[in-house]
PDB file of N, CA and C in Angstrom:
ATOM      1  N   MET A   1     -21.071  80.842 -18.889  1.00  0.00           N
ATOM      2  CA  MET A   1     -21.466  82.201 -18.589  1.00  0.00           C
ATOM      3  C   MET A   1     -22.603  82.596 -19.536  1.00  0.00           C
ATOM      4  N   SER A   2     -23.568  83.299 -19.011  1.00  0.00           N
ATOM      5  CA  SER A   2     -24.754  83.646 -19.775  1.00  0.00           C
ATOM      6  C   SER A   2     -24.803  85.160 -20.038  1.00  0.00           C
ATOM      7  N   TYR A   3     -25.170  85.529 -21.274  1.00  0.00           N
ATOM      8  CA  TYR A   3     -25.179  86.928 -21.674  1.00  0.00           C
ATOM      9  C   TYR A   3     -26.503  87.343 -22.309  1.00  0.00           C
ATOM     10  N   ASN A   4     -26.828  88.625 -22.166  1.00  0.00           N
ATOM     11  CA  ASN A   4     -27.867  89.290 -22.941  1.00  0.00           C
ATOM     12  C   ASN A   4     -27.109  90.135 -23.954  1.00  0.00           C
ATOM     13  N   TYR A   5     -27.600  90.221 -25.163  1.00  0.00           N
ATOM     14  CA  TYR A   5     -26.902  91.026 -26.171  1.00  0.00           C
ATOM     15  C   TYR A   5     -27.583  92.374 -26.322  1.00  0.00           C
ATOM     16  N   LYS A   6     -26.754  93.421 -26.407  1.00  0.00           N
ATOM     17  CA  LYS A   6     -27.235  94.786 -26.601  1.00  0.00           C
ATOM     18  C   LYS A   6     -26.614  95.325 -27.879  1.00  0.00           C
ATOM     19  N   TYR A   7     -27.380  96.131 -28.591  1.00  0.00           N
ATOM     20  CA  TYR A   7     -26.967  96.653 -29.889  1.00  0.00           C
ATOM     21  C   TYR A   7     -26.982  98.171 -29.827  1.00  0.00           C
ATOM     22  N   PHE A   8     -25.898  98.814 -30.312  1.00  0.00           N
ATOM     23  CA  PHE A   8     -25.765 100.258 -30.185  1.00  0.00           C
ATOM     24  C   PHE A   8     -25.394 100.927 -31.500  1.00  0.00           C
ATOM     25  N   HIS A   9     -25.898 102.151 -31.655  1.00  0.00           N
ATOM     26  CA  HIS A   9     -25.436 103.098 -32.676  1.00  0.00           C
ATOM     27  C   HIS A   9     -24.951 104.290 -31.868  1.00  0.00           C
ATOM     28  N   GLY A  10     -23.622 104.451 -31.764  1.00  0.00           N
ATOM     29  CA  GLY A  10     -23.091 105.467 -30.855  1.00  0.00           C
ATOM     30  C   GLY A  10     -23.497 105.096 -29.445  1.00  0.00           C
ATOM     31  N   GLU A  11     -24.139 106.012 -28.742  1.00  0.00           N
ATOM     32  CA  GLU A  11     -24.617 105.741 -27.381  1.00  0.00           C
ATOM     33  C   GLU A  11     -26.079 105.308 -27.355  1.00  0.00           C
ATOM     34  N   ILE A  12     -26.709 105.225 -28.517  1.00  0.00           N
ATOM     35  CA  ILE A  12     -28.128 104.900 -28.600  1.00  0.00           C
ATOM     36  C   ILE A  12     -28.314 103.389 -28.646  1.00  0.00           C
ATOM     37  N   GLU A  13     -29.029 102.846 -27.661  1.00  0.00           N
ATOM     38  CA  GLU A  13     -29.318 101.409 -27.671  1.00  0.00           C
ATOM     39  C   GLU A  13     -30.465 101.152 -28.647  1.00  0.00           C
ATOM     40  N   LEU A  14     -30.311 100.095 -29.439  1.00  0.00           N
ATOM     41  CA  LEU A  14     -31.284  99.781 -30.480  1.00  0.00           C
ATOM     42  C   LEU A  14     -31.978  98.450 -30.239  1.00  0.00           C
ATOM     43  N   LYS A  15     -33.196  98.358 -30.745  1.00  0.00           N
ATOM     44  CA  LYS A  15     -33.899  97.077 -30.806  1.00  0.00           C
ATOM     45  C   LYS A  15     -33.587  96.533 -32.201  1.00  0.00           C
ATOM     46  N   PRO A  16     -32.788  95.439 -32.292  1.00  0.00           N
ATOM     47  CA  PRO A  16     -32.238  95.027 -33.584  1.00  0.00           C
ATOM     48  C   PRO A  16     -33.185  94.224 -34.477  1.00  0.00           C
ATOM     49  N   GLN A  17     -32.874  94.288 -35.759  1.00  0.00           N
ATOM     50  CA  GLN A  17     -33.506  93.442 -36.767  1.00  0.00           C
ATOM     51  C   GLN A  17     -32.511  93.320 -37.916  1.00  0.00           C
ATOM     52  N   GLU A  18     -32.678  92.308 -38.735  1.00  0.00           N
ATOM     53  CA  GLU A  18     -31.772  92.115 -39.857  1.00  0.00           C
ATOM     54  C   GLU A  18     -32.269  92.860 -41.089  1.00  0.00           C
ATOM     55  N   MET A  19     -31.311  93.296 -41.923  1.00  0.00           N
ATOM     56  CA  MET A  19     -31.627  93.940 -43.195  1.00  0.00           C
ATOM     57  C   MET A  19     -30.635  93.389 -44.214  1.00  0.00           C
ATOM     58  N   SER A  20     -31.102  93.091 -45.408  1.00  0.00           N
ATOM     59  CA  SER A  20     -30.188  92.588 -46.430  1.00  0.00           C
ATOM     60  C   SER A  20     -29.136  93.646 -46.742  1.00  0.00           C
ATOM     61  N   VAL A  21     -27.955  93.188 -47.158  1.00  0.00           N
ATOM     62  CA  VAL A  21     -26.863  94.099 -47.488  1.00  0.00           C
ATOM     63  C   VAL A  21     -27.295  95.045 -48.610  1.00  0.00           C
ATOM     64  N   ARG A  22     -28.057  94.553 -49.561  1.00  0.00           N
ATOM     65  CA  ARG A  22     -28.543  95.384 -50.673  1.00  0.00           C
ATOM     66  C   ARG A  22     -29.463  96.495 -50.158  1.00  0.00           C
ATOM     67  N   ASP A  23     -30.430  96.151 -49.309  1.00  0.00           N
ATOM     68  CA  ASP A  23     -31.332  97.160 -48.744  1.00  0.00           C
ATOM     69  C   ASP A  23     -30.579  98.131 -47.825  1.00  0.00           C
ATOM     70  N   PHE A  24     -29.598  97.605 -47.089  1.00  0.00           N
ATOM     71  CA  PHE A  24     -28.776  98.427 -46.207  1.00  0.00           C
ATOM     72  C   PHE A  24     -28.058  99.508 -47.011  1.00  0.00           C
ATOM     73  N   ALA A  25     -27.424  99.106 -48.111  1.00  0.00           N
ATOM     74  CA  ALA A  25     -26.700 100.062 -48.965  1.00  0.00           C
ATOM     75  C   ALA A  25     -27.655 101.079 -49.579  1.00  0.00           C
ATOM     76  N   ALA A  26     -28.852 100.635 -49.963  1.00  0.00           N
ATOM     77  CA  ALA A  26     -29.829 101.551 -50.563  1.00  0.00           C
ATOM     78  C   ALA A  26     -30.334 102.558 -49.529  1.00  0.00           C
ATOM     79  N   HIS A  27     -30.518 102.118 -48.294  1.00  0.00           N
ATOM     80  CA  HIS A  27     -31.076 102.990 -47.250  1.00  0.00           C
ATOM     81  C   HIS A  27     -30.023 103.920 -46.642  1.00  0.00           C
ATOM     82  N   PHE A  28     -28.828 103.393 -46.356  1.00  0.00           N
ATOM     83  CA  PHE A  28     -27.805 104.161 -45.640  1.00  0.00           C
ATOM     84  C   PHE A  28     -26.664 104.652 -46.523  1.00  0.00           C
ATOM     85  N   GLY A  29     -26.545 104.113 -47.719  1.00  0.00           N
ATOM     86  CA  GLY A  29     -25.414 104.455 -48.594  1.00  0.00           C
ATOM     87  C   GLY A  29     -24.399 103.324 -48.573  1.00  0.00           C
ATOM     88  N   ALA A  30     -23.774 103.094 -49.701  1.00  0.00           N
ATOM     89  CA  ALA A  30     -22.871 101.954 -49.854  1.00  0.00           C
ATOM     90  C   ALA A  30     -21.645 102.023 -48.951  1.00  0.00           C
ATOM     91  N   ASP A  31     -21.218 103.215 -48.552  1.00  0.00           N
ATOM     92  CA  ASP A  31     -20.015 103.340 -47.737  1.00  0.00           C
ATOM     93  C   ASP A  31     -20.279 103.334 -46.234  1.00  0.00           C
ATOM     94  N   THR A  32     -21.535 103.169 -45.805  1.00  0.00           N
ATOM     95  CA  THR A  32     -21.870 103.125 -44.386  1.00  0.00           C
ATOM     96  C   THR A  32     -21.464 101.780 -43.798  1.00  0.00           C
ATOM     97  N   ARG A  33     -20.770 101.836 -42.673  1.00  0.00           N
ATOM     98  CA  ARG A  33     -20.357 100.600 -42.002  1.00  0.00           C
ATOM     99  C   ARG A  33     -21.458 100.115 -41.077  1.00  0.00           C
ATOM    100  N   GLY A  34     -21.527  98.822 -40.925  1.00  0.00           N
ATOM    101  CA  GLY A  34     -22.491  98.215 -40.025  1.00  0.00           C
ATOM    102  C   GLY A  34     -21.992  96.842 -39.618  1.00  0.00           C
ATOM    103  N   VAL A  35     -22.630  96.259 -38.632  1.00  0.00           N
ATOM    104  CA  VAL A  35     -22.250  94.945 -38.125  1.00  0.00           C
ATOM    105  C   VAL A  35     -23.036  93.883 -38.881  1.00  0.00           C
ATOM    106  N   ARG A  36     -22.320  92.923 -39.446  1.00  0.00           N
ATOM    107  CA  ARG A  36     -22.968  91.820 -40.169  1.00  0.00           C
ATOM    108  C   ARG A  36     -23.654  90.885 -39.179  1.00  0.00           C
ATOM    109  N   SER A  37     -24.828  90.408 -39.546  1.00  0.00           N
ATOM    110  CA  SER A  37     -25.537  89.440 -38.715  1.00  0.00           C
ATOM    111  C   SER A  37     -25.428  88.039 -39.291  1.00  0.00           C
ATOM    112  N   GLY A  38     -24.994  87.948 -40.514  1.00  0.00           N
ATOM    113  CA  GLY A  38     -24.843  86.667 -41.188  1.00  0.00           C
ATOM    114  C   GLY A  38     -24.583  86.934 -42.655  1.00  0.00           C
ATOM    115  N   ALA A  39     -24.482  85.889 -43.430  1.00  0.00           N
ATOM    116  CA  ALA A  39     -24.188  86.045 -44.857  1.00  0.00           C
ATOM    117  C   ALA A  39     -25.296  86.844 -45.536  1.00  0.00           C
ATOM    118  N   GLY A  40     -24.931  88.001 -46.061  1.00  0.00           N
ATOM    119  CA  GLY A  40     -25.874  88.818 -46.818  1.00  0.00           C
ATOM    120  C   GLY A  40     -26.770  89.721 -45.988  1.00  0.00           C
ATOM    121  N   TYR A  41     -26.536  89.818 -44.670  1.00  0.00           N
ATOM    122  CA  TYR A  41     -27.383  90.640 -43.806  1.00  0.00           C
ATOM    123  C   TYR A  41     -26.549  91.473 -42.853  1.00  0.00           C
ATOM    124  N   LYS A  42     -27.095  92.606 -42.438  1.00  0.00           N
ATOM    125  CA  LYS A  42     -26.488  93.452 -41.412  1.00  0.00           C
ATOM    126  C   LYS A  42     -27.553  93.783 -40.369  1.00  0.00           C
ATOM    127  N   TRP A  43     -27.082  94.117 -39.162  1.00  0.00           N
ATOM    128  CA  TRP A  43     -27.984  94.525 -38.087  1.00  0.00           C
ATOM    129  C   TRP A  43     -28.336  96.001 -38.243  1.00  0.00           C
ATOM    130  N   VAL A  44     -29.603  96.309 -38.074  1.00  0.00           N
ATOM    131  CA  VAL A  44     -30.108  97.675 -38.007  1.00  0.00           C
ATOM    132  C   VAL A  44     -31.108  97.693 -36.858  1.00  0.00           C
ATOM    133  N   GLY A  45     -31.578  98.874 -36.475  1.00  0.00           N
ATOM    134  CA  GLY A  45     -32.573  98.897 -35.416  1.00  0.00           C
ATOM    135  C   GLY A  45     -33.121 100.275 -35.146  1.00  0.00           C
ATOM    136  N   PHE A  46     -34.216 100.272 -34.419  1.00  0.00           N
ATOM    137  CA  PHE A  46     -34.832 101.508 -33.952  1.00  0.00           C
ATOM    138  C   PHE A  46     -34.379 101.740 -32.523  1.00  0.00           C
ATOM    139  N   PRO A  47     -34.259 103.001 -32.091  1.00  0.00           N
ATOM    140  CA  PRO A  47     -33.919 103.260 -30.687  1.00  0.00           C
ATOM    141  C   PRO A  47     -34.912 102.566 -29.760  1.00  0.00           C
ATOM    142  N   VAL A  48     -34.388 102.008 -28.659  1.00  0.00           N
ATOM    143  CA  VAL A  48     -35.243 101.343 -27.677  1.00  0.00           C
ATOM    144  C   VAL A  48     -36.309 102.332 -27.220  1.00  0.00           C
ATOM    145  N   GLY A  49     -37.548 101.924 -27.212  1.00  0.00           N
ATOM    146  CA  GLY A  49     -38.658 102.789 -26.809  1.00  0.00           C
ATOM    147  C   GLY A  49     -39.340 103.487 -27.967  1.00  0.00           C
ATOM    148  N   HIS A  50     -38.708 103.532 -29.141  1.00  0.00           N
ATOM    149  CA  HIS A  50     -39.307 104.173 -30.321  1.00  0.00           C
ATOM    150  C   HIS A  50     -40.249 103.183 -30.997  1.00  0.00           C
ATOM    151  N   ILE A  51     -41.451 103.632 -31.312  1.00  0.00           N
ATOM    152  CA  ILE A  51     -42.410 102.802 -32.038  1.00  0.00           C
ATOM    153  C   ILE A  51     -42.547 103.382 -33.441  1.00  0.00           C
ATOM    154  N   PRO A  52     -42.090 102.627 -34.463  1.00  0.00           N
ATOM    155  CA  PRO A  52     -42.172 103.153 -35.826  1.00  0.00           C
ATOM    156  C   PRO A  52     -43.615 103.314 -36.287  1.00  0.00           C
ATOM    157  N   GLU A  53     -43.828 104.292 -37.142  1.00  0.00           N
ATOM    158  CA  GLU A  53     -45.157 104.580 -37.676  1.00  0.00           C
ATOM    159  C   GLU A  53     -45.536 103.528 -38.719  1.00  0.00           C
ATOM    160  N   TRP A  54     -46.782 103.066 -38.673  1.00  0.00           N
ATOM    161  CA  TRP A  54     -47.305 102.120 -39.659  1.00  0.00           C
ATOM    162  C   TRP A  54     -47.907 102.913 -40.810  1.00  0.00           C
ATOM    163  N   ILE A  55     -47.452 102.643 -42.035  1.00  0.00           N
ATOM    164  CA  ILE A  55     -47.966 103.316 -43.222  1.00  0.00           C
ATOM    165  C   ILE A  55     -48.765 102.293 -44.023  1.00  0.00           C
ATOM    166  N   PRO A  56     -50.083 102.458 -44.119  1.00  0.00           N
ATOM    167  CA  PRO A  56     -50.918 101.487 -44.834  1.00  0.00           C
ATOM    168  C   PRO A  56     -50.389 101.227 -46.251  1.00  0.00           C
ATOM    169  N   GLY A  57     -50.279  99.963 -46.587  1.00  0.00           N
ATOM    170  CA  GLY A  57     -49.821  99.562 -47.909  1.00  0.00           C
ATOM    171  C   GLY A  57     -48.307  99.551 -48.076  1.00  0.00           C
ATOM    172  N   LYS A  58     -47.582 100.134 -47.103  1.00  0.00           N
ATOM    173  CA  LYS A  58     -46.117 100.196 -47.207  1.00  0.00           C
ATOM    174  C   LYS A  58     -45.404  99.533 -46.035  1.00  0.00           C
ATOM    175  N   GLY A  59     -46.091  99.331 -44.934  1.00  0.00           N
ATOM    176  CA  GLY A  59     -45.457  98.754 -43.756  1.00  0.00           C
ATOM    177  C   GLY A  59     -44.945  99.835 -42.816  1.00  0.00           C
ATOM    178  N   PHE A  60     -43.973  99.474 -41.995  1.00  0.00           N
ATOM    179  CA  PHE A  60     -43.443 100.406 -41.008  1.00  0.00           C
ATOM    180  C   PHE A  60     -42.511 101.436 -41.651  1.00  0.00           C
ATOM    181  N   SER A  61     -42.598 102.658 -41.169  1.00  0.00           N
ATOM    182  CA  SER A  61     -41.708 103.731 -41.605  1.00  0.00           C
ATOM    183  C   SER A  61     -40.280 103.394 -41.190  1.00  0.00           C
ATOM    184  N   LYS A  62     -39.333 103.676 -42.055  1.00  0.00           N
ATOM    185  CA  LYS A  62     -37.931 103.434 -41.730  1.00  0.00           C
ATOM    186  C   LYS A  62     -37.281 104.693 -41.138  1.00  0.00           C
ATOM    187  N   ASP A  63     -38.115 105.697 -40.823  1.00  0.00           N
ATOM    188  CA  ASP A  63     -37.624 106.895 -40.153  1.00  0.00           C
ATOM    189  C   ASP A  63     -37.067 106.489 -38.786  1.00  0.00           C
ATOM    190  N   LYS A  64     -35.931 106.977 -38.437  1.00  0.00           N
ATOM    191  CA  LYS A  64     -35.234 106.692 -37.172  1.00  0.00           C
ATOM    192  C   LYS A  64     -34.513 105.343 -37.167  1.00  0.00           C
ATOM    193  N   LEU A  65     -34.552 104.593 -38.277  1.00  0.00           N
ATOM    194  CA  LEU A  65     -33.824 103.338 -38.371  1.00  0.00           C
ATOM    195  C   LEU A  65     -32.332 103.648 -38.466  1.00  0.00           C
ATOM    196  N   LEU A  66     -31.516 102.984 -37.644  1.00  0.00           N
ATOM    197  CA  LEU A  66     -30.074 103.252 -37.584  1.00  0.00           C
ATOM    198  C   LEU A  66     -29.279 101.964 -37.777  1.00  0.00           C
ATOM    199  N   PRO A  67     -28.069 102.063 -38.343  1.00  0.00           N
ATOM    200  CA  PRO A  67     -27.220 100.877 -38.453  1.00  0.00           C
ATOM    201  C   PRO A  67     -26.587 100.551 -37.100  1.00  0.00           C
ATOM    202  N   VAL A  68     -26.481  99.275 -36.782  1.00  0.00           N
ATOM    203  CA  VAL A  68     -25.816  98.849 -35.557  1.00  0.00           C
ATOM    204  C   VAL A  68     -24.313  98.991 -35.757  1.00  0.00           C
ATOM    205  N   GLN A  69     -23.650  99.685 -34.826  1.00  0.00           N
ATOM    206  CA  GLN A  69     -22.207  99.879 -34.901  1.00  0.00           C
ATOM    207  C   GLN A  69     -21.447  98.967 -33.939  1.00  0.00           C
ATOM    208  N   ARG A  70     -22.103  98.588 -32.829  1.00  0.00           N
ATOM    209  CA  ARG A  70     -21.451  97.753 -31.817  1.00  0.00           C
ATOM    210  C   ARG A  70     -22.446  96.767 -31.237  1.00  0.00           C
ATOM    211  N   VAL A  71     -21.961  95.540 -30.962  1.00  0.00           N
ATOM    212  CA  VAL A  71     -22.757  94.527 -30.269  1.00  0.00           C
ATOM    213  C   VAL A  71     -22.042  94.242 -28.963  1.00  0.00           C
ATOM    214  N   ILE A  72     -22.794  94.306 -27.865  1.00  0.00           N
ATOM    215  CA  ILE A  72     -22.233  94.092 -26.536  1.00  0.00           C
ATOM    216  C   ILE A  72     -22.893  92.863 -25.914  1.00  0.00           C
ATOM    217  N   ALA A  73     -22.063  91.947 -25.412  1.00  0.00           N
ATOM    218  CA  ALA A  73     -22.560  90.798 -24.655  1.00  0.00           C
ATOM    219  C   ALA A  73     -22.538  91.221 -23.191  1.00  0.00           C
ATOM    220  N   TYR A  74     -23.718  91.489 -22.621  1.00  0.00           N
ATOM    221  CA  TYR A  74     -23.833  91.991 -21.250  1.00  0.00           C
ATOM    222  C   TYR A  74     -24.199  90.833 -20.329  1.00  0.00           C
ATOM    223  N   LYS A  75     -23.394  90.610 -19.294  1.00  0.00           N
ATOM    224  CA  LYS A  75     -23.638  89.493 -18.383  1.00  0.00           C
ATOM    225  C   LYS A  75     -25.032  89.583 -17.770  1.00  0.00           C
ATOM    226  N   LYS A  76     -25.660  88.439 -17.599  1.00  0.00           N
ATOM    227  CA  LYS A  76     -27.002  88.421 -16.994  1.00  0.00           C
ATOM    228  C   LYS A  76     -26.950  88.780 -15.518  1.00  0.00           C
ATOM    229  N   ALA A  77     -25.812  88.515 -14.860  1.00  0.00           N
ATOM    230  CA  ALA A  77     -25.624  88.887 -13.452  1.00  0.00           C
ATOM    231  C   ALA A  77     -24.340  89.715 -13.362  1.00  0.00           C
ATOM    232  N   PRO A  78     -24.387  90.990 -13.823  1.00  0.00           N
ATOM    233  CA  PRO A  78     -23.182  91.813 -13.875  1.00  0.00           C
ATOM    234  C   PRO A  78     -22.742  92.331 -12.504  1.00  0.00           C
ATOM    235  N   SER A  79     -21.440  92.611 -12.378  1.00  0.00           N
ATOM    236  CA  SER A  79     -20.922  93.187 -11.136  1.00  0.00           C
ATOM    237  C   SER A  79     -21.211  94.688 -11.079  1.00  0.00           C
ATOM    238  N   LYS A  80     -21.432  95.318 -12.242  1.00  0.00           N
ATOM    239  CA  LYS A  80     -21.709  96.754 -12.381  1.00  0.00           C
ATOM    240  C   LYS A  80     -20.595  97.616 -11.789  1.00  0.00           C
ATOM    241  N   HIS A  81     -19.348  97.201 -12.016  1.00  0.00           N
ATOM    242  CA  HIS A  81     -18.204  98.002 -11.565  1.00  0.00           C
ATOM    243  C   HIS A  81     -18.074  99.258 -12.428  1.00  0.00           C
ATOM    244  N   THR A  82     -17.265 100.205 -11.963  1.00  0.00           N
ATOM    245  CA  THR A  82     -17.029 101.443 -12.701  1.00  0.00           C
ATOM    246  C   THR A  82     -16.260 101.132 -13.980  1.00  0.00           C
ATOM    247  N   CYS A  83     -16.610 101.817 -15.065  1.00  0.00           N
ATOM    248  CA  CYS A  83     -15.922 101.634 -16.342  1.00  0.00           C
ATOM    249  C   CYS A  83     -14.428 101.929 -16.178  1.00  0.00           C
ATOM    250  N   ASP A  84     -13.623 101.193 -16.921  1.00  0.00           N
ATOM    251  CA  ASP A  84     -12.189 101.432 -16.913  1.00  0.00           C
ATOM    252  C   ASP A  84     -11.665 101.282 -18.338  1.00  0.00           C
ATOM    253  N   ALA A  85     -10.355 101.221 -18.495  1.00  0.00           N
ATOM    254  CA  ALA A  85      -9.746 101.152 -19.827  1.00  0.00           C
ATOM    255  C   ALA A  85     -10.209  99.928 -20.612  1.00  0.00           C
ATOM    256  N   ARG A  86     -10.471  98.807 -19.931  1.00  0.00           N
ATOM    257  CA  ARG A  86     -10.951  97.609 -20.632  1.00  0.00           C
ATOM    258  C   ARG A  86     -12.284  97.887 -21.315  1.00  0.00           C
ATOM    259  N   CYS A  87     -13.112  98.685 -20.693  1.00  0.00           N
ATOM    260  CA  CYS A  87     -14.412  99.054 -21.234  1.00  0.00           C
ATOM    261  C   CYS A  87     -14.251 100.080 -22.357  1.00  0.00           C
ATOM    262  N   LEU A  88     -13.627 101.179 -22.032  1.00  0.00           N
ATOM    263  CA  LEU A  88     -13.539 102.296 -22.966  1.00  0.00           C
ATOM    264  C   LEU A  88     -12.755 101.965 -24.230  1.00  0.00           C
ATOM    265  N   ASN A  89     -11.745 101.110 -24.112  1.00  0.00           N
ATOM    266  CA  ASN A  89     -10.908 100.768 -25.261  1.00  0.00           C
ATOM    267  C   ASN A  89     -11.202  99.378 -25.812  1.00  0.00           C
ATOM    268  N   ALA A  90     -12.357  98.827 -25.473  1.00  0.00           N
ATOM    269  CA  ALA A  90     -12.720  97.487 -25.924  1.00  0.00           C
ATOM    270  C   ALA A  90     -12.790  97.440 -27.447  1.00  0.00           C
ATOM    271  N   THR A  91     -12.399  96.307 -27.994  1.00  0.00           N
ATOM    272  CA  THR A  91     -12.477  96.079 -29.439  1.00  0.00           C
ATOM    273  C   THR A  91     -13.017  94.683 -29.677  1.00  0.00           C
ATOM    274  N   GLY A  92     -13.336  94.401 -30.912  1.00  0.00           N
ATOM    275  CA  GLY A  92     -13.779  93.060 -31.271  1.00  0.00           C
ATOM    276  C   GLY A  92     -15.154  93.071 -31.896  1.00  0.00           C
ATOM    277  N   ARG A  93     -15.493  91.957 -32.488  1.00  0.00           N
ATOM    278  CA  ARG A  93     -16.784  91.821 -33.159  1.00  0.00           C
ATOM    279  C   ARG A  93     -17.924  91.924 -32.148  1.00  0.00           C
ATOM    280  N   VAL A  94     -17.789  91.221 -31.024  1.00  0.00           N
ATOM    281  CA  VAL A  94     -18.749  91.311 -29.919  1.00  0.00           C
ATOM    282  C   VAL A  94     -17.933  91.568 -28.660  1.00  0.00           C
ATOM    283  N   MET A  95     -18.249  92.646 -27.943  1.00  0.00           N
ATOM    284  CA  MET A  95     -17.530  92.998 -26.720  1.00  0.00           C
ATOM    285  C   MET A  95     -18.315  92.511 -25.510  1.00  0.00           C
ATOM    286  N   ARG A  96     -17.609  92.067 -24.474  1.00  0.00           N
ATOM    287  CA  ARG A  96     -18.263  91.585 -23.260  1.00  0.00           C
ATOM    288  C   ARG A  96     -18.247  92.684 -22.205  1.00  0.00           C
ATOM    289  N   CYS A  97     -19.337  92.786 -21.442  1.00  0.00           N
ATOM    290  CA  CYS A  97     -19.478  93.871 -20.477  1.00  0.00           C
ATOM    291  C   CYS A  97     -20.157  93.391 -19.211  1.00  0.00           C
ATOM    292  N   GLU A  98     -19.768  93.975 -18.096  1.00  0.00           N
ATOM    293  CA  GLU A  98     -20.503  93.795 -16.850  1.00  0.00           C
ATOM    294  C   GLU A  98     -20.397  95.047 -15.988  1.00  0.00           C
ATOM    295  N   CYS A  99     -20.040  96.174 -16.606  1.00  0.00           N
ATOM    296  CA  CYS A  99     -19.864  97.404 -15.830  1.00  0.00           C
ATOM    297  C   CYS A  99     -21.139  98.247 -15.788  1.00  0.00           C
ATOM    298  N   ALA A 100     -21.071  99.335 -15.055  1.00  0.00           N
ATOM    299  CA  ALA A 100     -22.235 100.174 -14.776  1.00  0.00           C
ATOM    300  C   ALA A 100     -22.861 100.807 -16.019  1.00  0.00           C
ATOM    301  N   CYS A 101     -22.087 100.996 -17.075  1.00  0.00           N
ATOM    302  CA  CYS A 101     -22.630 101.650 -18.275  1.00  0.00           C
ATOM    303  C   CYS A 101     -23.545 100.725 -19.075  1.00  0.00           C
ATOM    304  N   GLY A 102     -23.529  99.427 -18.794  1.00  0.00           N
ATOM    305  CA  GLY A 102     -24.382  98.493 -19.524  1.00  0.00           C
ATOM    306  C   GLY A 102     -23.978  98.333 -20.977  1.00  0.00           C
ATOM    307  N   GLY A 103     -22.716  98.626 -21.294  1.00  0.00           N
ATOM    308  CA  GLY A 103     -22.223  98.499 -22.654  1.00  0.00           C
ATOM    309  C   GLY A 103     -22.219  99.795 -23.432  1.00  0.00           C
ATOM    310  N   LYS A 104     -22.837 100.817 -22.884  1.00  0.00           N
ATOM    311  CA  LYS A 104     -22.973 102.110 -23.566  1.00  0.00           C
ATOM    312  C   LYS A 104     -21.622 102.734 -23.922  1.00  0.00           C
ATOM    313  N   ASN A 105     -20.609 102.542 -23.068  1.00  0.00           N
ATOM    314  CA  ASN A 105     -19.299 103.156 -23.299  1.00  0.00           C
ATOM    315  C   ASN A 105     -18.278 102.218 -23.943  1.00  0.00           C
ATOM    316  N   HIS A 106     -18.632 100.963 -24.147  1.00  0.00           N
ATOM    317  CA  HIS A 106     -17.672  99.994 -24.668  1.00  0.00           C
ATOM    318  C   HIS A 106     -17.197 100.365 -26.060  1.00  0.00           C
ATOM    319  N   GLY A 107     -15.886 100.458 -26.184  1.00  0.00           N
ATOM    320  CA  GLY A 107     -15.268 100.772 -27.456  1.00  0.00           C
ATOM    321  C   GLY A 107     -15.403 102.230 -27.856  1.00  0.00           C
ATOM    322  N   ARG A 108     -15.892 103.073 -26.987  1.00  0.00           N
ATOM    323  CA  ARG A 108     -16.137 104.483 -27.319  1.00  0.00           C
ATOM    324  C   ARG A 108     -14.909 105.356 -27.088  1.00  0.00           C
ATOM    325  N   GLY A 109     -13.951 104.878 -26.281  1.00  0.00           N
ATOM    326  CA  GLY A 109     -12.778 105.696 -25.984  1.00  0.00           C
ATOM    327  C   GLY A 109     -13.148 106.958 -25.238  1.00  0.00           C
ATOM    328  N   ALA A 110     -14.272 106.931 -24.516  1.00  0.00           N
ATOM    329  CA  ALA A 110     -14.747 108.097 -23.768  1.00  0.00           C
ATOM    330  C   ALA A 110     -13.819 108.389 -22.594  1.00  0.00           C
ATOM    331  N   PHE A 111     -13.879 109.607 -22.085  1.00  0.00           N
ATOM    332  CA  PHE A 111     -13.017 110.014 -20.987  1.00  0.00           C
ATOM    333  C   PHE A 111     -13.637 109.739 -19.623  1.00  0.00           C
ATOM    334  N   SER A 112     -14.954 109.614 -19.565  1.00  0.00           N
ATOM    335  CA  SER A 112     -15.598 109.323 -18.286  1.00  0.00           C
ATOM    336  C   SER A 112     -16.804 108.429 -18.515  1.00  0.00           C
ATOM    337  N   CYS A 113     -17.177 107.731 -17.485  1.00  0.00           N
ATOM    338  CA  CYS A 113     -18.285 106.784 -17.575  1.00  0.00           C
ATOM    339  C   CYS A 113     -19.549 107.411 -17.002  1.00  0.00           C
ATOM    340  N   THR A 114     -20.654 107.185 -17.669  1.00  0.00           N
ATOM    341  CA  THR A 114     -21.948 107.603 -17.141  1.00  0.00           C
ATOM    342  C   THR A 114     -22.774 106.346 -16.942  1.00  0.00           C
ATOM    343  N   SER A 115     -23.511 106.257 -15.877  1.00  0.00           N
ATOM    344  CA  SER A 115     -24.341 105.084 -15.620  1.00  0.00           C
ATOM    345  C   SER A 115     -25.481 105.035 -16.615  1.00  0.00           C
ATOM    346  N   ALA A 116     -25.905 103.822 -16.890  1.00  0.00           N
ATOM    347  CA  ALA A 116     -27.001 103.622 -17.856  1.00  0.00           C
ATOM    348  C   ALA A 116     -28.321 104.029 -17.275  1.00  0.00           C
TER     349      ALA A 116
END
C-alpha cells in the first residue's frame, strides 16, 4: 500500500522540515510537544501556501513556524469515505487515513467531519 504523508498542527496542514531538539526548545519552549523525526530532531513547518519572508543575512523568518503535532499517512488512492470513530479517535505515532477529511480530523476527537 502506498501513502503520502501529511503533517498537521491542529487543523493546519504544514509543509514539514526538521529542526534540532535544541533549536525547537529555544523557539517554542522546552515544554512544547512535537513529533520526533529522528534522533535529535523534531518536525516543524509552515502552513501550506505560506511563503516565509527572506531576511538578508539571517535567512528565512521563523514567523508562522509551527510544531508538527500529528503525522497522517494518507492513501494515494483513498476511498474518501465519511469520517467515523476510527478517524476521530485515531491514535499512534503515524495515523493512516483515506477519508474525506484528508487527515485533518484524525485524532482530533471532533464531533463532525468537514471535507478538506
